[in-house]
Amino acid sequence: MAGLSRFAPAEGAFYLYVDVSDLTRDSLGFCQRMLDEIGVATTPGRDFDPIHGDDWLRMSFAGSVRDIAEAAGRLKEWLKRVG
């Protein structure tokens, strides 16, 4: 999705745990930057894993199809610039 290629198994949940280690080692800063620059909110992996979480973030797909598609489009374009 949007240039990200490594995900933990979703196991039926409406969340994806996404490896961003090729882009950052600071998931908190990365999530904050994403929110500030494109208005897409994600959760830093360190909230779930204090040891390896800085390489991961969590994305929720609990919104409307329209909102998820909009966020995915913004994320795809943003990753072209930051990746």
N, C-alpha and C. Protein backbone atom coordinates (compact mmCIF):
# COMPACT_ATOMS: atom_id res chain seq x y z
N MET A 1 0.83 -1.18 0.00
CA MET A 1 0.00 0.00 0.00
C MET A 1 0.88 1.24 0.00
N ALA A 2 0.69 2.07 -0.94
CA ALA A 2 1.32 3.39 -0.98
C ALA A 2 2.83 3.34 -0.80
N GLY A 3 3.48 2.32 -1.32
CA GLY A 3 4.93 2.23 -1.20
C GLY A 3 5.41 1.53 0.04
N LEU A 4 4.52 1.14 0.92
CA LEU A 4 4.87 0.37 2.12
C LEU A 4 4.65 -1.09 1.79
N SER A 5 5.59 -1.94 2.17
CA SER A 5 5.48 -3.32 1.70
C SER A 5 5.53 -4.39 2.78
N ARG A 6 5.81 -4.03 4.00
CA ARG A 6 5.91 -5.05 5.05
C ARG A 6 4.89 -4.78 6.14
N PHE A 7 4.00 -5.74 6.35
CA PHE A 7 2.90 -5.61 7.30
C PHE A 7 2.88 -6.83 8.21
N ALA A 8 2.49 -6.63 9.46
CA ALA A 8 2.23 -7.75 10.34
C ALA A 8 0.86 -8.32 9.95
N PRO A 9 0.62 -9.61 10.17
CA PRO A 9 -0.69 -10.18 9.83
C PRO A 9 -1.83 -9.43 10.53
N ALA A 10 -2.86 -9.08 9.78
CA ALA A 10 -3.99 -8.32 10.33
C ALA A 10 -4.91 -9.20 11.17
N GLU A 11 -4.97 -10.46 10.89
CA GLU A 11 -5.75 -11.42 11.66
C GLU A 11 -7.20 -10.98 11.88
N GLY A 12 -7.82 -10.42 10.85
CA GLY A 12 -9.23 -10.07 10.89
C GLY A 12 -9.55 -8.73 11.52
N ALA A 13 -8.58 -8.03 12.03
CA ALA A 13 -8.83 -6.72 12.65
C ALA A 13 -8.91 -5.65 11.57
N PHE A 14 -9.35 -4.47 11.95
CA PHE A 14 -9.40 -3.35 11.01
C PHE A 14 -8.21 -2.43 11.20
N TYR A 15 -7.09 -3.02 11.60
CA TYR A 15 -5.83 -2.30 11.75
C TYR A 15 -4.75 -2.99 10.94
N LEU A 16 -3.79 -2.21 10.48
CA LEU A 16 -2.57 -2.77 9.90
C LEU A 16 -1.40 -2.25 10.70
N TYR A 17 -0.47 -3.12 11.00
CA TYR A 17 0.77 -2.76 11.67
C TYR A 17 1.83 -2.75 10.57
N VAL A 18 2.38 -1.58 10.29
CA VAL A 18 3.19 -1.35 9.09
C VAL A 18 4.64 -1.05 9.46
N ASP A 19 5.55 -1.75 8.82
CA ASP A 19 6.99 -1.52 9.01
C ASP A 19 7.39 -0.27 8.22
N VAL A 20 7.92 0.72 8.93
CA VAL A 20 8.38 1.95 8.28
C VAL A 20 9.89 2.14 8.48
N SER A 21 10.59 1.05 8.80
CA SER A 21 12.02 1.15 9.13
C SER A 21 12.87 1.60 7.94
N ASP A 22 12.39 1.43 6.72
CA ASP A 22 13.13 1.95 5.56
C ASP A 22 13.01 3.47 5.46
N LEU A 23 12.03 4.04 6.17
CA LEU A 23 11.78 5.48 6.10
C LEU A 23 12.20 6.22 7.36
N THR A 24 12.14 5.55 8.50
CA THR A 24 12.42 6.21 9.78
C THR A 24 12.71 5.19 10.86
N ARG A 25 13.35 5.64 11.91
CA ARG A 25 13.53 4.85 13.14
C ARG A 25 12.86 5.58 14.29
N ASP A 26 11.94 6.50 13.96
CA ASP A 26 11.22 7.31 14.94
C ASP A 26 9.74 7.35 14.57
N SER A 27 9.01 6.30 14.93
CA SER A 27 7.61 6.22 14.53
C SER A 27 6.77 7.37 15.09
N LEU A 28 7.09 7.83 16.29
CA LEU A 28 6.35 8.95 16.86
C LEU A 28 6.52 10.21 16.01
N GLY A 29 7.75 10.55 15.69
CA GLY A 29 8.00 11.72 14.85
C GLY A 29 7.41 11.57 13.46
N PHE A 30 7.49 10.36 12.90
CA PHE A 30 6.95 10.10 11.57
C PHE A 30 5.44 10.28 11.56
N CYS A 31 4.76 9.75 12.58
CA CYS A 31 3.31 9.91 12.67
C CYS A 31 2.93 11.38 12.83
N GLN A 32 3.68 12.11 13.65
CA GLN A 32 3.39 13.53 13.85
C GLN A 32 3.59 14.31 12.56
N ARG A 33 4.66 14.00 11.85
CA ARG A 33 4.93 14.68 10.58
C ARG A 33 3.82 14.39 9.56
N MET A 34 3.39 13.13 9.50
CA MET A 34 2.32 12.75 8.58
C MET A 34 1.04 13.53 8.90
N LEU A 35 0.71 13.62 10.17
CA LEU A 35 -0.48 14.36 10.58
C LEU A 35 -0.35 15.84 10.23
N ASP A 36 0.79 16.43 10.53
CA ASP A 36 1.01 17.85 10.26
C ASP A 36 0.99 18.17 8.76
N GLU A 37 1.60 17.30 7.95
CA GLU A 37 1.79 17.62 6.54
C GLU A 37 0.64 17.20 5.64
N ILE A 38 -0.04 16.11 5.96
CA ILE A 38 -1.11 15.64 5.07
C ILE A 38 -2.42 15.34 5.79
N GLY A 39 -2.47 15.55 7.10
CA GLY A 39 -3.72 15.35 7.84
C GLY A 39 -4.16 13.92 7.98
N VAL A 40 -3.21 12.99 7.92
CA VAL A 40 -3.52 11.57 8.10
C VAL A 40 -2.97 11.14 9.46
N ALA A 41 -3.86 10.61 10.30
CA ALA A 41 -3.49 10.21 11.65
C ALA A 41 -3.20 8.71 11.70
N THR A 42 -2.06 8.36 12.27
CA THR A 42 -1.68 6.97 12.53
C THR A 42 -1.15 6.91 13.97
N THR A 43 -0.90 5.72 14.44
CA THR A 43 -0.41 5.55 15.81
C THR A 43 1.00 5.01 15.79
N PRO A 44 1.93 5.61 16.53
CA PRO A 44 3.30 5.10 16.55
C PRO A 44 3.36 3.68 17.11
N GLY A 45 4.20 2.87 16.51
CA GLY A 45 4.38 1.51 16.97
C GLY A 45 4.89 1.40 18.38
N ARG A 46 5.61 2.41 18.84
CA ARG A 46 6.15 2.34 20.21
C ARG A 46 5.04 2.29 21.25
N ASP A 47 3.82 2.67 20.88
CA ASP A 47 2.69 2.54 21.81
C ASP A 47 2.35 1.08 22.07
N PHE A 48 2.78 0.18 21.18
CA PHE A 48 2.45 -1.24 21.28
C PHE A 48 3.68 -2.11 21.56
N ASP A 49 4.85 -1.59 21.24
CA ASP A 49 6.09 -2.37 21.39
C ASP A 49 7.22 -1.40 21.75
N PRO A 50 7.57 -1.31 23.03
CA PRO A 50 8.60 -0.35 23.44
C PRO A 50 10.00 -0.70 22.96
N ILE A 51 10.22 -1.92 22.50
CA ILE A 51 11.55 -2.33 22.06
C ILE A 51 11.74 -2.10 20.56
N HIS A 52 10.81 -2.58 19.73
CA HIS A 52 10.96 -2.48 18.27
C HIS A 52 9.95 -1.52 17.64
N GLY A 53 9.11 -0.91 18.44
CA GLY A 53 8.01 -0.11 17.92
C GLY A 53 8.38 1.12 17.14
N ASP A 54 9.59 1.64 17.31
CA ASP A 54 9.97 2.83 16.55
C ASP A 54 10.12 2.55 15.06
N ASP A 55 10.09 1.28 14.67
CA ASP A 55 10.17 0.90 13.26
C ASP A 55 8.80 0.65 12.65
N TRP A 56 7.75 0.81 13.44
CA TRP A 56 6.40 0.43 13.00
C TRP A 56 5.39 1.52 13.32
N LEU A 57 4.26 1.50 12.60
CA LEU A 57 3.12 2.32 12.94
C LEU A 57 1.85 1.53 12.70
N ARG A 58 0.78 1.97 13.32
CA ARG A 58 -0.49 1.28 13.16
C ARG A 58 -1.47 2.18 12.44
N MET A 59 -2.14 1.60 11.44
CA MET A 59 -3.15 2.31 10.65
C MET A 59 -4.50 1.64 10.89
N SER A 60 -5.51 2.45 11.08
CA SER A 60 -6.87 1.94 11.27
C SER A 60 -7.65 2.10 9.97
N PHE A 61 -8.46 1.10 9.69
CA PHE A 61 -9.36 1.14 8.54
C PHE A 61 -10.81 1.11 9.01
N ALA A 62 -11.07 1.80 10.11
CA ALA A 62 -12.40 1.79 10.71
C ALA A 62 -13.27 2.95 10.23
N GLY A 63 -12.81 3.69 9.23
CA GLY A 63 -13.59 4.81 8.71
C GLY A 63 -14.39 4.41 7.48
N SER A 64 -14.97 5.38 6.85
CA SER A 64 -15.74 5.13 5.64
C SER A 64 -14.79 4.79 4.49
N VAL A 65 -15.31 4.13 3.49
CA VAL A 65 -14.51 3.78 2.31
C VAL A 65 -13.96 5.05 1.67
N ARG A 66 -14.77 6.08 1.60
CA ARG A 66 -14.34 7.35 1.01
C ARG A 66 -13.17 7.97 1.79
N ASP A 67 -13.28 7.98 3.11
CA ASP A 67 -12.22 8.56 3.94
C ASP A 67 -10.93 7.74 3.84
N ILE A 68 -11.04 6.43 3.83
CA ILE A 68 -9.87 5.57 3.73
C ILE A 68 -9.19 5.76 2.38
N ALA A 69 -9.97 5.84 1.32
CA ALA A 69 -9.41 6.06 -0.02
C ALA A 69 -8.70 7.42 -0.09
N GLU A 70 -9.29 8.44 0.50
CA GLU A 70 -8.67 9.77 0.51
C GLU A 70 -7.35 9.73 1.27
N ALA A 71 -7.34 9.11 2.44
CA ALA A 71 -6.12 9.01 3.23
C ALA A 71 -5.04 8.23 2.49
N ALA A 72 -5.43 7.14 1.84
CA ALA A 72 -4.46 6.32 1.09
C ALA A 72 -3.86 7.13 -0.06
N GLY A 73 -4.67 7.92 -0.74
CA GLY A 73 -4.16 8.76 -1.81
C GLY A 73 -3.18 9.81 -1.31
N ARG A 74 -3.52 10.45 -0.20
CA ARG A 74 -2.60 11.44 0.39
C ARG A 74 -1.29 10.78 0.81
N LEU A 75 -1.42 9.62 1.45
CA LEU A 75 -0.24 8.91 1.92
C LEU A 75 0.66 8.49 0.75
N LYS A 76 0.06 8.00 -0.30
CA LYS A 76 0.84 7.58 -1.48
C LYS A 76 1.65 8.74 -2.04
N GLU A 77 1.05 9.88 -2.21
CA GLU A 77 1.75 11.05 -2.76
C GLU A 77 2.82 11.56 -1.79
N TRP A 78 2.50 11.56 -0.50
CA TRP A 78 3.45 12.03 0.50
C TRP A 78 4.69 11.14 0.56
N LEU A 79 4.47 9.83 0.49
CA LEU A 79 5.59 8.89 0.54
C LEU A 79 6.52 9.04 -0.66
N LYS A 80 6.01 9.48 -1.77
CA LYS A 80 6.87 9.75 -2.93
C LYS A 80 7.86 10.86 -2.61
N ARG A 81 7.44 11.82 -1.79
CA ARG A 81 8.28 12.96 -1.45
C ARG A 81 9.25 12.63 -0.31
N VAL A 82 8.80 11.85 0.68
CA VAL A 82 9.64 11.60 1.85
C VAL A 82 10.45 10.32 1.73
N GLY A 83 10.02 9.41 0.88
CA GLY A 83 10.69 8.11 0.76
C GLY A 83 11.83 8.17 -0.11
